[in-house]
Amino acid sequence: MNKKEKRFVKTYSQGGTSGNEIWVDKETGINYFTILPVTRAVLLPCLIKTENRLLHK
């Protein structure tokens, strides 16, 4: 992957600075669900498979 290309792409956002987001790793296709409370962020991989592939690729 070219250094200028972004590896992660935000595909969903809700709630602004204290909401939720879904980011996709373009190299692996794994979705990451982020919880953005006021104090700190939490990053969780979404490892749900559908038809032998991850949710978003």
PDB file of N, CA and C in Angstrom:
ATOM      1  N   MET A   1       0.841  -1.177   0.000  1.00  0.00           N
ATOM      2  CA  MET A   1       0.000   0.000   0.000  1.00  0.00           C
ATOM      3  C   MET A   1       0.883   1.237   0.000  1.00  0.00           C
ATOM      4  N   ASN A   2       0.551   2.163  -0.846  1.00  0.00           N
ATOM      5  CA  ASN A   2       1.275   3.420  -0.946  1.00  0.00           C
ATOM      6  C   ASN A   2       1.168   4.190   0.371  1.00  0.00           C
ATOM      7  N   LYS A   3       2.267   4.848   0.793  1.00  0.00           N
ATOM      8  CA  LYS A   3       2.255   5.565   2.063  1.00  0.00           C
ATOM      9  C   LYS A   3       1.238   6.702   2.097  1.00  0.00           C
ATOM     10  N   LYS A   4       0.901   7.262   0.946  1.00  0.00           N
ATOM     11  CA  LYS A   4      -0.055   8.371   0.914  1.00  0.00           C
ATOM     12  C   LYS A   4      -1.502   7.888   1.008  1.00  0.00           C
ATOM     13  N   GLU A   5      -1.735   6.609   0.716  1.00  0.00           N
ATOM     14  CA  GLU A   5      -3.083   6.064   0.824  1.00  0.00           C
ATOM     15  C   GLU A   5      -3.427   5.834   2.286  1.00  0.00           C
ATOM     16  N   LYS A   6      -4.664   6.106   2.647  1.00  0.00           N
ATOM     17  CA  LYS A   6      -5.103   5.855   4.010  1.00  0.00           C
ATOM     18  C   LYS A   6      -5.495   4.391   4.142  1.00  0.00           C
ATOM     19  N   ARG A   7      -4.978   3.748   5.186  1.00  0.00           N
ATOM     20  CA  ARG A   7      -5.288   2.339   5.403  1.00  0.00           C
ATOM     21  C   ARG A   7      -6.700   2.154   5.963  1.00  0.00           C
ATOM     22  N   PHE A   8      -7.154   3.078   6.798  1.00  0.00           N
ATOM     23  CA  PHE A   8      -8.459   2.971   7.432  1.00  0.00           C
ATOM     24  C   PHE A   8      -9.432   3.983   6.836  1.00  0.00           C
ATOM     25  N   VAL A   9     -10.668   3.532   6.584  1.00  0.00           N
ATOM     26  CA  VAL A   9     -11.702   4.379   6.011  1.00  0.00           C
ATOM     27  C   VAL A   9     -12.903   4.348   6.956  1.00  0.00           C
ATOM     28  N   LYS A  10     -13.421   5.532   7.303  1.00  0.00           N
ATOM     29  CA  LYS A  10     -14.610   5.601   8.150  1.00  0.00           C
ATOM     30  C   LYS A  10     -15.836   5.368   7.287  1.00  0.00           C
ATOM     31  N   THR A  11     -16.643   4.347   7.643  1.00  0.00           N
ATOM     32  CA  THR A  11     -17.828   4.022   6.857  1.00  0.00           C
ATOM     33  C   THR A  11     -19.123   4.373   7.563  1.00  0.00           C
ATOM     34  N   TYR A  12     -19.053   4.702   8.861  1.00  0.00           N
ATOM     35  CA  TYR A  12     -20.259   5.046   9.617  1.00  0.00           C
ATOM     36  C   TYR A  12     -19.875   5.959  10.763  1.00  0.00           C
ATOM     37  N   SER A  13     -20.714   6.938  11.058  1.00  0.00           N
ATOM     38  CA  SER A  13     -20.485   7.848  12.173  1.00  0.00           C
ATOM     39  C   SER A  13     -21.830   8.291  12.741  1.00  0.00           C
ATOM     40  N   GLN A  14     -21.900   8.330  14.079  1.00  0.00           N
ATOM     41  CA  GLN A  14     -23.123   8.770  14.750  1.00  0.00           C
ATOM     42  C   GLN A  14     -22.739   9.461  16.043  1.00  0.00           C
ATOM     43  N   GLY A  15     -23.263  10.635  16.290  1.00  0.00           N
ATOM     44  CA  GLY A  15     -23.141  11.265  17.593  1.00  0.00           C
ATOM     45  C   GLY A  15     -22.010  12.256  17.787  1.00  0.00           C
ATOM     46  N   GLY A  16     -21.229  12.585  16.798  1.00  0.00           N
ATOM     47  CA  GLY A  16     -20.184  13.605  16.949  1.00  0.00           C
ATOM     48  C   GLY A  16     -19.030  13.167  17.840  1.00  0.00           C
ATOM     49  N   THR A  17     -18.646  14.028  18.803  1.00  0.00           N
ATOM     50  CA  THR A  17     -17.468  13.750  19.621  1.00  0.00           C
ATOM     51  C   THR A  17     -17.688  12.658  20.660  1.00  0.00           C
ATOM     52  N   SER A  18     -18.917  12.346  20.999  1.00  0.00           N
ATOM     53  CA  SER A  18     -19.175  11.260  21.950  1.00  0.00           C
ATOM     54  C   SER A  18     -20.185  10.293  21.350  1.00  0.00           C
ATOM     55  N   GLY A  19     -19.791   9.659  20.251  1.00  0.00           N
ATOM     56  CA  GLY A  19     -20.703   8.760  19.547  1.00  0.00           C
ATOM     57  C   GLY A  19     -20.021   7.464  19.168  1.00  0.00           C
ATOM     58  N   ASN A  20     -20.444   6.899  18.048  1.00  0.00           N
ATOM     59  CA  ASN A  20     -19.917   5.632  17.554  1.00  0.00           C
ATOM     60  C   ASN A  20     -19.460   5.792  16.108  1.00  0.00           C
ATOM     61  N   GLU A  21     -18.457   5.017  15.729  1.00  0.00           N
ATOM     62  CA  GLU A  21     -17.961   5.019  14.354  1.00  0.00           C
ATOM     63  C   GLU A  21     -17.600   3.600  13.952  1.00  0.00           C
ATOM     64  N   ILE A  22     -17.637   3.331  12.654  1.00  0.00           N
ATOM     65  CA  ILE A  22     -17.121   2.076  12.116  1.00  0.00           C
ATOM     66  C   ILE A  22     -16.042   2.434  11.109  1.00  0.00           C
ATOM     67  N   TRP A  23     -14.866   1.835  11.294  1.00  0.00           N
ATOM     68  CA  TRP A  23     -13.724   2.039  10.411  1.00  0.00           C
ATOM     69  C   TRP A  23     -13.383   0.702   9.759  1.00  0.00           C
ATOM     70  N   VAL A  24     -12.960   0.730   8.498  1.00  0.00           N
ATOM     71  CA  VAL A  24     -12.585  -0.477   7.775  1.00  0.00           C
ATOM     72  C   VAL A  24     -11.106  -0.413   7.432  1.00  0.00           C
ATOM     73  N   ASP A  25     -10.399  -1.488   7.759  1.00  0.00           N
ATOM     74  CA  ASP A  25      -8.990  -1.639   7.383  1.00  0.00           C
ATOM     75  C   ASP A  25      -8.968  -2.104   5.931  1.00  0.00           C
ATOM     76  N   LYS A  26      -8.454  -1.291   5.020  1.00  0.00           N
ATOM     77  CA  LYS A  26      -8.467  -1.621   3.596  1.00  0.00           C
ATOM     78  C   LYS A  26      -7.535  -2.779   3.255  1.00  0.00           C
ATOM     79  N   GLU A  27      -6.538  -3.053   4.095  1.00  0.00           N
ATOM     80  CA  GLU A  27      -5.635  -4.177   3.827  1.00  0.00           C
ATOM     81  C   GLU A  27      -6.264  -5.507   4.171  1.00  0.00           C
ATOM     82  N   THR A  28      -6.947  -5.580   5.309  1.00  0.00           N
ATOM     83  CA  THR A  28      -7.490  -6.851   5.776  1.00  0.00           C
ATOM     84  C   THR A  28      -8.987  -6.976   5.583  1.00  0.00           C
ATOM     85  N   GLY A  29      -9.700  -5.850   5.418  1.00  0.00           N
ATOM     86  CA  GLY A  29     -11.143  -5.870   5.291  1.00  0.00           C
ATOM     87  C   GLY A  29     -11.881  -5.958   6.621  1.00  0.00           C
ATOM     88  N   ILE A  30     -11.150  -5.928   7.731  1.00  0.00           N
ATOM     89  CA  ILE A  30     -11.774  -6.015   9.045  1.00  0.00           C
ATOM     90  C   ILE A  30     -12.410  -4.690   9.417  1.00  0.00           C
ATOM     91  N   ASN A  31     -13.633  -4.764   9.955  1.00  0.00           N
ATOM     92  CA  ASN A  31     -14.363  -3.594  10.448  1.00  0.00           C
ATOM     93  C   ASN A  31     -14.008  -3.382  11.909  1.00  0.00           C
ATOM     94  N   TYR A  32     -13.812  -2.134  12.297  1.00  0.00           N
ATOM     95  CA  TYR A  32     -13.543  -1.791  13.699  1.00  0.00           C
ATOM     96  C   TYR A  32     -14.623  -0.841  14.173  1.00  0.00           C
ATOM     97  N   PHE A  33     -15.263  -1.199  15.276  1.00  0.00           N
ATOM     98  CA  PHE A  33     -16.307  -0.387  15.883  1.00  0.00           C
ATOM     99  C   PHE A  33     -15.673   0.446  16.983  1.00  0.00           C
ATOM    100  N   THR A  34     -15.806   1.751  16.915  1.00  0.00           N
ATOM    101  CA  THR A  34     -15.232   2.618  17.942  1.00  0.00           C
ATOM    102  C   THR A  34     -16.341   3.256  18.753  1.00  0.00           C
ATOM    103  N   ILE A  35     -16.107   3.305  20.057  1.00  0.00           N
ATOM    104  CA  ILE A  35     -17.002   3.985  20.976  1.00  0.00           C
ATOM    105  C   ILE A  35     -16.256   5.215  21.449  1.00  0.00           C
ATOM    106  N   LEU A  36     -16.834   6.382  21.247  1.00  0.00           N
ATOM    107  CA  LEU A  36     -16.138   7.633  21.539  1.00  0.00           C
ATOM    108  C   LEU A  36     -16.794   8.369  22.715  1.00  0.00           C
ATOM    109  N   PRO A  37     -16.537   7.894  23.943  1.00  0.00           N
ATOM    110  CA  PRO A  37     -17.031   8.669  25.080  1.00  0.00           C
ATOM    111  C   PRO A  37     -16.186   9.922  25.260  1.00  0.00           C
ATOM    112  N   VAL A  38     -16.590  10.782  26.128  1.00  0.00           N
ATOM    113  CA  VAL A  38     -15.881  12.048  26.333  1.00  0.00           C
ATOM    114  C   VAL A  38     -14.465  11.815  26.857  1.00  0.00           C
ATOM    115  N   THR A  39     -14.237  10.787  27.680  1.00  0.00           N
ATOM    116  CA  THR A  39     -12.940  10.611  28.328  1.00  0.00           C
ATOM    117  C   THR A  39     -11.906   9.861  27.508  1.00  0.00           C
ATOM    118  N   ARG A  40     -12.304   8.807  26.774  1.00  0.00           N
ATOM    119  CA  ARG A  40     -11.340   8.032  25.975  1.00  0.00           C
ATOM    120  C   ARG A  40     -12.065   7.204  24.930  1.00  0.00           C
ATOM    121  N   ALA A  41     -11.351   6.771  23.904  1.00  0.00           N
ATOM    122  CA  ALA A  41     -11.956   5.981  22.828  1.00  0.00           C
ATOM    123  C   ALA A  41     -11.696   4.495  23.055  1.00  0.00           C
ATOM    124  N   VAL A  42     -12.620   3.662  22.603  1.00  0.00           N
ATOM    125  CA  VAL A  42     -12.493   2.216  22.665  1.00  0.00           C
ATOM    126  C   VAL A  42     -12.594   1.696  21.235  1.00  0.00           C
ATOM    127  N   LEU A  43     -11.655   0.832  20.837  1.00  0.00           N
ATOM    128  CA  LEU A  43     -11.617   0.280  19.481  1.00  0.00           C
ATOM    129  C   LEU A  43     -11.828  -1.221  19.561  1.00  0.00           C
ATOM    130  N   LEU A  44     -12.878  -1.731  18.912  1.00  0.00           N
ATOM    131  CA  LEU A  44     -13.216  -3.147  18.955  1.00  0.00           C
ATOM    132  C   LEU A  44     -13.299  -3.705  17.543  1.00  0.00           C
ATOM    133  N   PRO A  45     -12.592  -4.826  17.241  1.00  0.00           N
ATOM    134  CA  PRO A  45     -12.737  -5.429  15.916  1.00  0.00           C
ATOM    135  C   PRO A  45     -14.088  -6.118  15.801  1.00  0.00           C
ATOM    136  N   CYS A  46     -14.718  -5.999  14.647  1.00  0.00           N
ATOM    137  CA  CYS A  46     -15.982  -6.680  14.365  1.00  0.00           C
ATOM    138  C   CYS A  46     -15.636  -7.927  13.567  1.00  0.00           C
ATOM    139  N   LEU A  47     -15.648  -9.059  14.210  1.00  0.00           N
ATOM    140  CA  LEU A  47     -15.202 -10.293  13.562  1.00  0.00           C
ATOM    141  C   LEU A  47     -16.375 -11.188  13.169  1.00  0.00           C
ATOM    142  N   ILE A  48     -17.465 -10.584  12.761  1.00  0.00           N
ATOM    143  CA  ILE A  48     -18.634 -11.341  12.321  1.00  0.00           C
ATOM    144  C   ILE A  48     -18.456 -11.677  10.845  1.00  0.00           C
ATOM    145  N   LYS A  49     -18.582 -12.953  10.502  1.00  0.00           N
ATOM    146  CA  LYS A  49     -18.436 -13.357   9.104  1.00  0.00           C
ATOM    147  C   LYS A  49     -19.796 -13.617   8.489  1.00  0.00           C
ATOM    148  N   THR A  50     -19.936 -13.253   7.228  1.00  0.00           N
ATOM    149  CA  THR A  50     -21.136 -13.573   6.458  1.00  0.00           C
ATOM    150  C   THR A  50     -20.690 -14.181   5.152  1.00  0.00           C
ATOM    151  N   GLU A  51     -21.161 -15.372   4.859  1.00  0.00           N
ATOM    152  CA  GLU A  51     -20.826 -16.062   3.620  1.00  0.00           C
ATOM    153  C   GLU A  51     -19.323 -16.112   3.378  1.00  0.00           C
ATOM    154  N   ASN A  52     -18.569 -16.551   4.390  1.00  0.00           N
ATOM    155  CA  ASN A  52     -17.119 -16.759   4.321  1.00  0.00           C
ATOM    156  C   ASN A  52     -16.321 -15.485   4.078  1.00  0.00           C
ATOM    157  N   ARG A  53     -16.871 -14.327   4.435  1.00  0.00           N
ATOM    158  CA  ARG A  53     -16.088 -13.100   4.363  1.00  0.00           C
ATOM    159  C   ARG A  53     -16.571 -12.146   5.441  1.00  0.00           C
ATOM    160  N   LEU A  54     -15.785 -11.154   5.723  1.00  0.00           N
ATOM    161  CA  LEU A  54     -16.153 -10.190   6.732  1.00  0.00           C
ATOM    162  C   LEU A  54     -17.232  -9.263   6.202  1.00  0.00           C
ATOM    163  N   LEU A  55     -17.823  -8.477   7.074  1.00  0.00           N
ATOM    164  CA  LEU A  55     -18.962  -7.642   6.715  1.00  0.00           C
ATOM    165  C   LEU A  55     -18.693  -6.691   5.569  1.00  0.00           C
ATOM    166  N   HIS A  56     -17.525  -6.089   5.513  1.00  0.00           N
ATOM    167  CA  HIS A  56     -17.219  -5.079   4.491  1.00  0.00           C
ATOM    168  C   HIS A  56     -15.853  -5.358   3.922  1.00  0.00           C
ATOM    169  N   LYS A  57     -15.721  -5.356   2.628  1.00  0.00           N
ATOM    170  CA  LYS A  57     -14.420  -5.617   2.020  1.00  0.00           C
ATOM    171  C   LYS A  57     -14.196  -4.687   0.862  1.00  0.00           C
TER     172      LYS A  57
END
